[in-house]
C-alpha atoms as a PDB file:
ATOM      1  CA  UNK A   1      59.325  78.650 106.192  1.00  0.00           C
ATOM      2  CA  UNK A   2      59.841  77.193 102.755  1.00  0.00           C
ATOM      3  CA  UNK A   3      63.547  77.047 101.766  1.00  0.00           C
ATOM      4  CA  UNK A   4      62.561  78.562  98.443  1.00  0.00           C
ATOM      5  CA  UNK A   5      61.279  81.689 100.182  1.00  0.00           C
ATOM      6  CA  UNK A   6      64.088  82.438 102.617  1.00  0.00           C
ATOM      7  CA  UNK A   7      67.883  82.597 102.907  1.00  0.00           C
ATOM      8  CA  UNK A   8      69.483  80.907 105.904  1.00  0.00           C
ATOM      9  CA  UNK A   9      71.992  83.208 107.618  1.00  0.00           C
ATOM     10  CA  UNK A  10      72.777  81.267 110.789  1.00  0.00           C
ATOM     11  CA  UNK A  11      71.986  77.784 112.045  1.00  0.00           C
ATOM     12  CA  UNK A  12      73.606  77.138 115.425  1.00  0.00           C
ATOM     13  CA  UNK A  13      72.781  75.552 118.766  1.00  0.00           C
ATOM     14  CA  UNK A  14      71.552  78.933 120.069  1.00  0.00           C
ATOM     15  CA  UNK A  15      69.498  80.331 117.170  1.00  0.00           C
ATOM     16  CA  UNK A  16      68.254  79.966 113.624  1.00  0.00           C
ATOM     17  CA  UNK A  17      68.303  83.215 111.638  1.00  0.00           C
ATOM     18  CA  UNK A  18      67.162  83.764 108.086  1.00  0.00           C
ATOM     19  CA  UNK A  19      66.297  86.516 105.633  1.00  0.00           C
ATOM     20  CA  UNK A  20      62.788  86.323 104.179  1.00  0.00           C
ATOM     21  CA  UNK A  21      60.183  88.328 102.273  1.00  0.00           C
ATOM     22  CA  UNK A  22      56.852  89.030 103.913  1.00  0.00           C
ATOM     23  CA  UNK A  23      53.930  88.335 101.528  1.00  0.00           C
ATOM     24  CA  UNK A  24      52.903  91.986 101.283  1.00  0.00           C
ATOM     25  CA  UNK A  25      52.423  94.232  98.269  1.00  0.00           C
ATOM     26  CA  UNK A  26      55.215  95.074  97.636  1.00  0.00           C
ATOM     27  CA  UNK A  27      57.124  92.356  99.563  1.00  0.00           C
ATOM     28  CA  UNK A  28      59.045  93.516 102.640  1.00  0.00           C
ATOM     29  CA  UNK A  29      62.411  91.901 103.351  1.00  0.00           C
ATOM     30  CA  UNK A  30      62.927  91.046 107.020  1.00  0.00           C
ATOM     31  CA  UNK A  31      65.213  89.114 109.349  1.00  0.00           C
ATOM     32  CA  UNK A  32      63.561  86.239 111.233  1.00  0.00           C
ATOM     33  CA  UNK A  33      65.189  84.907 114.403  1.00  0.00           C
ATOM     34  CA  UNK A  34      64.201  81.765 116.285  1.00  0.00           C
ATOM     35  CA  UNK A  35      66.193  81.380 119.530  1.00  0.00           C
ATOM     36  CA  UNK A  36      67.026  77.847 120.625  1.00  0.00           C
ATOM     37  CA  UNK A  37      67.735  76.538 124.118  1.00  0.00           C
ATOM     38  CA  UNK A  38      71.207  75.018 124.318  1.00  0.00           C
ATOM     39  CA  UNK A  39      70.453  72.541 127.124  1.00  0.00           C
ATOM     40  CA  UNK A  40      67.628  70.933 129.091  1.00  0.00           C
ATOM     41  CA  UNK A  41      67.669  73.530 131.897  1.00  0.00           C
ATOM     42  CA  UNK A  42      67.286  76.381 129.413  1.00  0.00           C
ATOM     43  CA  UNK A  43      64.515  74.515 127.583  1.00  0.00           C
ATOM     44  CA  UNK A  44      62.570  74.386 130.833  1.00  0.00           C
ATOM     45  CA  UNK A  45      63.345  78.024 131.649  1.00  0.00           C
ATOM     46  CA  UNK A  46      62.138  79.287 128.260  1.00  0.00           C
ATOM     47  CA  UNK A  47      58.655  77.938 129.019  1.00  0.00           C
ATOM     48  CA  UNK A  48      58.191  80.698 131.593  1.00  0.00           C
ATOM     49  CA  UNK A  49      58.860  84.424 131.883  1.00  0.00           C
ATOM     50  CA  UNK A  50      59.853  86.677 129.000  1.00  0.00           C
ATOM     51  CA  UNK A  51      61.348  85.046 125.937  1.00  0.00           C
ATOM     52  CA  UNK A  52      64.653  86.142 124.421  1.00  0.00           C
ATOM     53  CA  UNK A  53      62.703  87.691 121.562  1.00  0.00           C
ATOM     54  CA  UNK A  54      60.510  89.688 123.942  1.00  0.00           C
ATOM     55  CA  UNK A  55      63.557  90.935 125.868  1.00  0.00           C
ATOM     56  CA  UNK A  56      65.193  91.867 122.557  1.00  0.00           C
ATOM     57  CA  UNK A  57      62.027  93.741 121.525  1.00  0.00           C
ATOM     58  CA  UNK A  58      62.029  95.823 124.707  1.00  0.00           C
ATOM     59  CA  UNK A  59      65.748  96.573 124.527  1.00  0.00           C
ATOM     60  CA  UNK A  60      65.600  97.501 120.837  1.00  0.00           C
ATOM     61  CA  UNK A  61      62.858 100.019 121.530  1.00  0.00           C
ATOM     62  CA  UNK A  62      64.828 101.428 124.471  1.00  0.00           C
ATOM     63  CA  UNK A  63      67.786 101.944 122.177  1.00  0.00           C
ATOM     64  CA  UNK A  64      65.633 103.548 119.482  1.00  0.00           C
ATOM     65  CA  UNK A  65      64.018 105.864 122.023  1.00  0.00           C
ATOM     66  CA  UNK A  66      67.518 107.087 122.945  1.00  0.00           C
ATOM     67  CA  UNK A  67      68.520 107.658 119.311  1.00  0.00           C
ATOM     68  CA  UNK A  68      70.850 104.668 119.164  1.00  0.00           C
ATOM     69  CA  UNK A  69      70.945 102.755 115.855  1.00  0.00           C
ATOM     70  CA  UNK A  70      69.300  99.351 115.911  1.00  0.00           C
ATOM     71  CA  UNK A  71      67.393  97.222 113.418  1.00  0.00           C
ATOM     72  CA  UNK A  72      63.711  98.167 113.730  1.00  0.00           C
ATOM     73  CA  UNK A  73      61.706  95.448 115.539  1.00  0.00           C
ATOM     74  CA  UNK A  74      58.554  94.550 113.576  1.00  0.00           C
ATOM     75  CA  UNK A  75      56.773  91.678 115.309  1.00  0.00           C
ATOM     76  CA  UNK A  76      57.044  88.762 117.713  1.00  0.00           C
ATOM     77  CA  UNK A  77      55.140  85.515 117.187  1.00  0.00           C
ATOM     78  CA  UNK A  78      54.950  83.132 120.145  1.00  0.00           C
ATOM     79  CA  UNK A  79      53.322  79.731 120.532  1.00  0.00           C
ATOM     80  CA  UNK A  80      51.877  78.630 123.880  1.00  0.00           C
ATOM     81  CA  UNK A  81      50.585  75.337 125.269  1.00  0.00           C
ATOM     82  CA  UNK A  82      47.736  75.443 127.782  1.00  0.00           C
ATOM     83  CA  UNK A  83      47.909  79.212 127.507  1.00  0.00           C
ATOM     84  CA  UNK A  84      50.889  79.496 129.882  1.00  0.00           C
ATOM     85  CA  UNK A  85      53.791  77.377 128.603  1.00  0.00           C
ATOM     86  CA  UNK A  86      55.734  79.004 125.772  1.00  0.00           C
ATOM     87  CA  UNK A  87      56.810  76.339 123.297  1.00  0.00           C
ATOM     88  CA  UNK A  88      58.266  78.520 120.552  1.00  0.00           C
ATOM     89  CA  UNK A  89      59.136  82.139 119.740  1.00  0.00           C
ATOM     90  CA  UNK A  90      60.006  83.957 116.527  1.00  0.00           C
ATOM     91  CA  UNK A  91      61.195  87.570 116.268  1.00  0.00           C
ATOM     92  CA  UNK A  92      60.952  89.641 113.087  1.00  0.00           C
ATOM     93  CA  UNK A  93      63.101  92.731 112.515  1.00  0.00           C
ATOM     94  CA  UNK A  94      63.821  95.064 109.654  1.00  0.00           C
ATOM     95  CA  UNK A  95      66.422  94.032 107.078  1.00  0.00           C
ATOM     96  CA  UNK A  96      69.095  96.654 106.395  1.00  0.00           C
ATOM     97  CA  UNK A  97      70.127  96.335 102.725  1.00  0.00           C
ATOM     98  CA  UNK A  98      73.736  96.809 101.706  1.00  0.00           C
ATOM     99  CA  UNK A  99      75.120  96.131 105.180  1.00  0.00           C
ATOM    100  CA  UNK A 100      77.564  93.553 106.541  1.00  0.00           C
ATOM    101  CA  UNK A 101      78.953  92.986 110.002  1.00  0.00           C
ATOM    102  CA  UNK A 102      82.072  94.932 110.964  1.00  0.00           C
ATOM    103  CA  UNK A 103      84.175  91.780 111.283  1.00  0.00           C
ATOM    104  CA  UNK A 104      83.406  90.778 107.682  1.00  0.00           C
ATOM    105  CA  UNK A 105      84.124  94.314 106.487  1.00  0.00           C
ATOM    106  CA  UNK A 106      87.559  94.290 108.114  1.00  0.00           C
ATOM    107  CA  UNK A 107      88.402  90.833 106.797  1.00  0.00           C
ATOM    108  CA  UNK A 108      86.953  91.022 103.291  1.00  0.00           C
ATOM    109  CA  UNK A 109      86.215  94.542 102.040  1.00  0.00           C
ATOM    110  CA  UNK A 110      89.198  96.286 103.607  1.00  0.00           C
ATOM    111  CA  UNK A 111      91.554  93.870 101.873  1.00  0.00           C
ATOM    112  CA  UNK A 112      90.302  95.015  98.467  1.00  0.00           C
ATOM    113  CA  UNK A 113      91.605  98.550  99.021  1.00  0.00           C
ATOM    114  CA  UNK A 114      95.059  99.853  98.094  1.00  0.00           C
ATOM    115  CA  UNK A 115      97.438  99.902 101.043  1.00  0.00           C
ATOM    116  CA  UNK A 116      97.546 103.705 101.279  1.00  0.00           C
ATOM    117  CA  UNK A 117      93.728 103.860 101.408  1.00  0.00           C
ATOM    118  CA  UNK A 118      93.327 101.366 104.241  1.00  0.00           C
ATOM    119  CA  UNK A 119      94.729 103.746 106.858  1.00  0.00           C
ATOM    120  CA  UNK A 120      92.180 106.433 105.983  1.00  0.00           C
ATOM    121  CA  UNK A 121      89.274 103.962 105.992  1.00  0.00           C
ATOM    122  CA  UNK A 122      90.349 102.350 109.264  1.00  0.00           C
ATOM    123  CA  UNK A 123      90.658 105.751 110.934  1.00  0.00           C
ATOM    124  CA  UNK A 124      87.129 106.691 109.820  1.00  0.00           C
ATOM    125  CA  UNK A 125      85.798 103.389 111.149  1.00  0.00           C
ATOM    126  CA  UNK A 126      87.652 103.790 114.473  1.00  0.00           C
ATOM    127  CA  UNK A 127      86.140 107.254 114.853  1.00  0.00           C
ATOM    128  CA  UNK A 128      82.627 105.913 114.217  1.00  0.00           C
ATOM    129  CA  UNK A 129      83.065 102.960 116.586  1.00  0.00           C
ATOM    130  CA  UNK A 130      84.367 105.128 119.430  1.00  0.00           C
ATOM    131  CA  UNK A 131      81.537 107.618 118.938  1.00  0.00           C
ATOM    132  CA  UNK A 132      78.914 104.857 119.013  1.00  0.00           C
ATOM    133  CA  UNK A 133      80.407 103.135 122.067  1.00  0.00           C
ATOM    134  CA  UNK A 134      80.544 106.460 123.916  1.00  0.00           C
ATOM    135  CA  UNK A 135      76.913 107.280 123.068  1.00  0.00           C
ATOM    136  CA  UNK A 136      75.852 103.763 124.037  1.00  0.00           C
ATOM    137  CA  UNK A 137      77.470 103.990 127.474  1.00  0.00           C
ATOM    138  CA  UNK A 138      76.554 107.621 128.134  1.00  0.00           C
ATOM    139  CA  UNK A 139      72.885 106.733 127.605  1.00  0.00           C
ATOM    140  CA  UNK A 140      72.929 104.058 130.276  1.00  0.00           C
ATOM    141  CA  UNK A 141      73.608 100.745 128.502  1.00  0.00           C
ATOM    142  CA  UNK A 142      76.195  98.014 128.953  1.00  0.00           C
ATOM    143  CA  UNK A 143      77.030  95.104 126.638  1.00  0.00           C
ATOM    144  CA  UNK A 144      78.613  91.815 127.720  1.00  0.00           C
ATOM    145  CA  UNK A 145      79.335  90.830 124.096  1.00  0.00           C
ATOM    146  CA  UNK A 146      80.361  94.058 122.381  1.00  0.00           C
ATOM    147  CA  UNK A 147      82.030  92.515 119.351  1.00  0.00           C
ATOM    148  CA  UNK A 148      82.423  93.377 115.684  1.00  0.00           C
ATOM    149  CA  UNK A 149      80.113  90.556 114.616  1.00  0.00           C
ATOM    150  CA  UNK A 150      77.220  92.148 116.520  1.00  0.00           C
ATOM    151  CA  UNK A 151      77.456  95.451 114.632  1.00  0.00           C
ATOM    152  CA  UNK A 152      76.426  96.055 111.036  1.00  0.00           C
ATOM    153  CA  UNK A 153      78.207  98.632 108.908  1.00  0.00           C
ATOM    154  CA  UNK A 154      76.578 100.232 105.889  1.00  0.00           C
ATOM    155  CA  UNK A 155      79.374 101.853 103.915  1.00  0.00           C
ATOM    156  CA  UNK A 156      80.167 101.927 100.230  1.00  0.00           C
ATOM    157  CA  UNK A 157      83.296 102.846  98.229  1.00  0.00           C
ATOM    158  CA  UNK A 158      84.964 105.314  98.025  1.00  0.00           C
ATOM    159  CA  UNK A 159      84.129 105.537 101.762  1.00  0.00           C
ATOM    160  CA  UNK A 160      84.021 109.325 101.684  1.00  0.00           C
ATOM    161  CA  UNK A 161      81.133 109.712 104.141  1.00  0.00           C
ATOM    162  CA  UNK A 162      80.940 108.413 107.712  1.00  0.00           C
ATOM    163  CA  UNK A 163      80.071 104.700 108.133  1.00  0.00           C
ATOM    164  CA  UNK A 164      76.583 103.896 109.450  1.00  0.00           C
ATOM    165  CA  UNK A 165      76.688 101.390 112.302  1.00  0.00           C
ATOM    166  CA  UNK A 166      73.717  99.387 113.621  1.00  0.00           C
ATOM    167  CA  UNK A 167      73.252  97.019 116.576  1.00  0.00           C
ATOM    168  CA  UNK A 168      71.783  93.654 115.549  1.00  0.00           C
ATOM    169  CA  UNK A 169      72.020  91.401 118.629  1.00  0.00           C
ATOM    170  CA  UNK A 170      70.225  92.371 121.841  1.00  0.00           C
ATOM    171  CA  UNK A 171      71.150  89.296 123.902  1.00  0.00           C
ATOM    172  CA  UNK A 172      74.156  90.873 125.617  1.00  0.00           C
ATOM    173  CA  UNK A 173      72.705  94.364 126.124  1.00  0.00           C
ATOM    174  CA  UNK A 174      71.445  95.596 129.473  1.00  0.00           C
ATOM    175  CA  UNK A 175      70.067  98.943 130.626  1.00  0.00           C
ATOM    176  CA  UNK A 176      72.014  99.919 133.753  1.00  0.00           C
ATOM    177  CA  UNK A 177      71.275 103.685 133.874  1.00  0.00           C
ATOM    178  CA  UNK A 178      74.896 104.557 134.684  1.00  0.00           C
ATOM    179  CA  UNK A 179      77.766 102.634 133.084  1.00  0.00           C
ATOM    180  CA  UNK A 180      80.894 102.109 135.164  1.00  0.00           C
ATOM    181  CA  UNK A 181      84.419 102.677 133.911  1.00  0.00           C
ATOM    182  CA  UNK A 182      85.042  98.922 134.227  1.00  0.00           C
ATOM    183  CA  UNK A 183      82.075  98.186 131.934  1.00  0.00           C
ATOM    184  CA  UNK A 184      83.366 100.740 129.421  1.00  0.00           C
ATOM    185  CA  UNK A 185      86.829  99.220 129.466  1.00  0.00           C
ATOM    186  CA  UNK A 186      85.499  95.668 129.043  1.00  0.00           C
ATOM    187  CA  UNK A 187      83.557  96.772 125.956  1.00  0.00           C
ATOM    188  CA  UNK A 188      86.755  98.142 124.412  1.00  0.00           C
ATOM    189  CA  UNK A 189      88.589  94.903 125.213  1.00  0.00           C
ATOM    190  CA  UNK A 190      85.845  92.732 123.693  1.00  0.00           C
ATOM    191  CA  UNK A 191      85.836  94.828 120.534  1.00  0.00           C
ATOM    192  CA  UNK A 192      89.623  94.523 120.259  1.00  0.00           C
ATOM    193  CA  UNK A 193      89.518  90.743 120.695  1.00  0.00           C
ATOM    194  CA  UNK A 194      86.792  90.373 118.071  1.00  0.00           C
ATOM    195  CA  UNK A 195      88.785  92.177 115.345  1.00  0.00           C
ATOM    196  CA  UNK A 196      92.138  90.521 115.993  1.00  0.00           C
ATOM    197  CA  UNK A 197      91.263  87.636 113.657  1.00  0.00           C
ATOM    198  CA  UNK A 198      91.459  90.073 110.771  1.00  0.00           C
ATOM    199  CA  UNK A 199      94.974  90.037 109.273  1.00  0.00           C
ATOM    200  CA  UNK A 200      94.601  93.735 108.453  1.00  0.00           C
ATOM    201  CA  UNK A 201      94.095  94.800 112.083  1.00  0.00           C
ATOM    202  CA  UNK A 202      97.378  95.494 113.872  1.00  0.00           C
ATOM    203  CA  UNK A 203      98.397  96.390 117.425  1.00  0.00           C
ATOM    204  CA  UNK A 204      98.798  99.942 116.156  1.00  0.00           C
ATOM    205  CA  UNK A 205      95.129  99.982 115.132  1.00  0.00           C
ATOM    206  CA  UNK A 206      94.108  98.771 118.585  1.00  0.00           C
ATOM    207  CA  UNK A 207      96.258 101.453 120.190  1.00  0.00           C
ATOM    208  CA  UNK A 208      94.680 104.137 117.999  1.00  0.00           C
ATOM    209  CA  UNK A 209      91.263 102.798 119.001  1.00  0.00           C
ATOM    210  CA  UNK A 210      92.094 102.955 122.718  1.00  0.00           C
ATOM    211  CA  UNK A 211      93.708 106.425 122.551  1.00  0.00           C
ATOM    212  CA  UNK A 212      90.699 107.765 120.653  1.00  0.00           C
ATOM    213  CA  UNK A 213      88.384 106.364 123.335  1.00  0.00           C
ATOM    214  CA  UNK A 214      90.483 107.920 126.116  1.00  0.00           C
ATOM    215  CA  UNK A 215      90.413 111.317 124.421  1.00  0.00           C
ATOM    216  CA  UNK A 216      87.549 112.744 126.485  1.00  0.00           C
ATOM    217  CA  UNK A 217      86.915 116.037 128.218  1.00  0.00           C
ATOM    218  CA  UNK A 218      89.243 116.374 131.184  1.00  0.00           C
ATOM    219  CA  UNK A 219      91.401 113.409 130.183  1.00  0.00           C
ATOM    220  CA  UNK A 220      95.165 113.356 130.665  1.00  0.00           C
ATOM    221  CA  UNK A 221      97.316 112.565 127.626  1.00  0.00           C
ATOM    222  CA  UNK A 222      99.819 110.697 129.789  1.00  0.00           C
ATOM    223  CA  UNK A 223      97.333 108.068 130.997  1.00  0.00           C
ATOM    224  CA  UNK A 224      97.133 106.127 127.740  1.00  0.00           C
ATOM    225  CA  UNK A 225     100.294 104.083 128.408  1.00  0.00           C
ATOM    226  CA  UNK A 226      98.925 102.696 131.677  1.00  0.00           C
ATOM    227  CA  UNK A 227      95.533 102.065 130.079  1.00  0.00           C
ATOM    228  CA  UNK A 228      97.206 100.356 127.113  1.00  0.00           C
ATOM    229  CA  UNK A 229      99.128  97.915 129.305  1.00  0.00           C
ATOM    230  CA  UNK A 230      95.989  97.152 131.312  1.00  0.00           C
ATOM    231  CA  UNK A 231      93.902  96.588 128.172  1.00  0.00           C
ATOM    232  CA  UNK A 232      96.613  94.495 126.531  1.00  0.00           C
ATOM    233  CA  UNK A 233      96.657  92.146 129.531  1.00  0.00           C
ATOM    234  CA  UNK A 234      92.848  91.962 129.486  1.00  0.00           C
ATOM    235  CA  UNK A 235      92.859  91.240 125.737  1.00  0.00           C
ATOM    236  CA  UNK A 236      95.311  88.360 126.157  1.00  0.00           C
ATOM    237  CA  UNK A 237      93.241  86.941 129.009  1.00  0.00           C
ATOM    238  CA  UNK A 238      90.052  87.284 126.960  1.00  0.00           C
ATOM    239  CA  UNK A 239      91.686  85.554 123.993  1.00  0.00           C
ATOM    240  CA  UNK A 240      92.676  82.646 126.211  1.00  0.00           C
ATOM    241  CA  UNK A 241      89.150  82.373 127.613  1.00  0.00           C
ATOM    242  CA  UNK A 242      87.697  82.608 124.094  1.00  0.00           C
ATOM    243  CA  UNK A 243      89.884  79.722 122.902  1.00  0.00           C
ATOM    244  CA  UNK A 244      88.832  77.599 125.884  1.00  0.00           C
ATOM    245  CA  UNK A 245      85.199  78.450 125.248  1.00  0.00           C
ATOM    246  CA  UNK A 246      85.558  77.491 121.579  1.00  0.00           C
ATOM    247  CA  UNK A 247      86.997  74.102 122.526  1.00  0.00           C
ATOM    248  CA  UNK A 248      84.147  73.554 124.994  1.00  0.00           C
ATOM    249  CA  UNK A 249      81.512  74.326 122.346  1.00  0.00           C
ATOM    250  CA  UNK A 250      83.145  71.993 119.817  1.00  0.00           C
ATOM    251  CA  UNK A 251      83.314  69.239 122.427  1.00  0.00           C
ATOM    252  CA  UNK A 252      79.667  69.601 123.531  1.00  0.00           C
ATOM    253  CA  UNK A 253      77.936  70.786 120.344  1.00  0.00           C
ATOM    254  CA  UNK A 254      80.317  69.734 117.572  1.00  0.00           C
ATOM    255  CA  UNK A 255      80.662  73.353 116.387  1.00  0.00           C
ATOM    256  CA  UNK A 256      81.249  76.864 117.641  1.00  0.00           C
END
């Protein structure tokens, strides 16, 4: 694509993502994703089987068919050599105007609110996140990378209505039919770890998030303390692993 006709959103060792306008009448704004293989083994593997874009297409439609919010897939363009070896793949999805990822919202937009308003807004966001995670798991999906950066939020001041959340990254999602309690708990832990970089997210917020998730039919109000200690240990372990992983990426790729 011509740099004059698109906006680069991400340029990493795993993918190039940009926002562009399709040459239609009127123009349609879309998100274009080109996955990249991070090493030689993966470059060989991507020549065969389904591409990451094709897997994302199938998962996105599975989510949509179960009334889960996801950016609408539009098209996949793939290039083959000799008719069998895939040499490139580009996925095109709908662009959701006015939205940012949850991590950016917590770090940037939340800080612009008066202190007494932040509690109300955070509580509304916690409620929406717990509801989405519960729906996601109840409908048979698991996510190995359930983090704030992989969810868009469309929400405008004065934040009177409920926030609209949307999945944007299919790479970590898997349809498992029945989600285990361990998979549910890991999703909560990953979400907690991903928001801890925000200076406006406290341990109290994480506790509210966990207690809201545990508040299900038939639950016992006394179990939250045990669950909190378990999750806190898992969060610390995940943070340690995340830091090690960051160092590894910087060492091998020169960036995260």
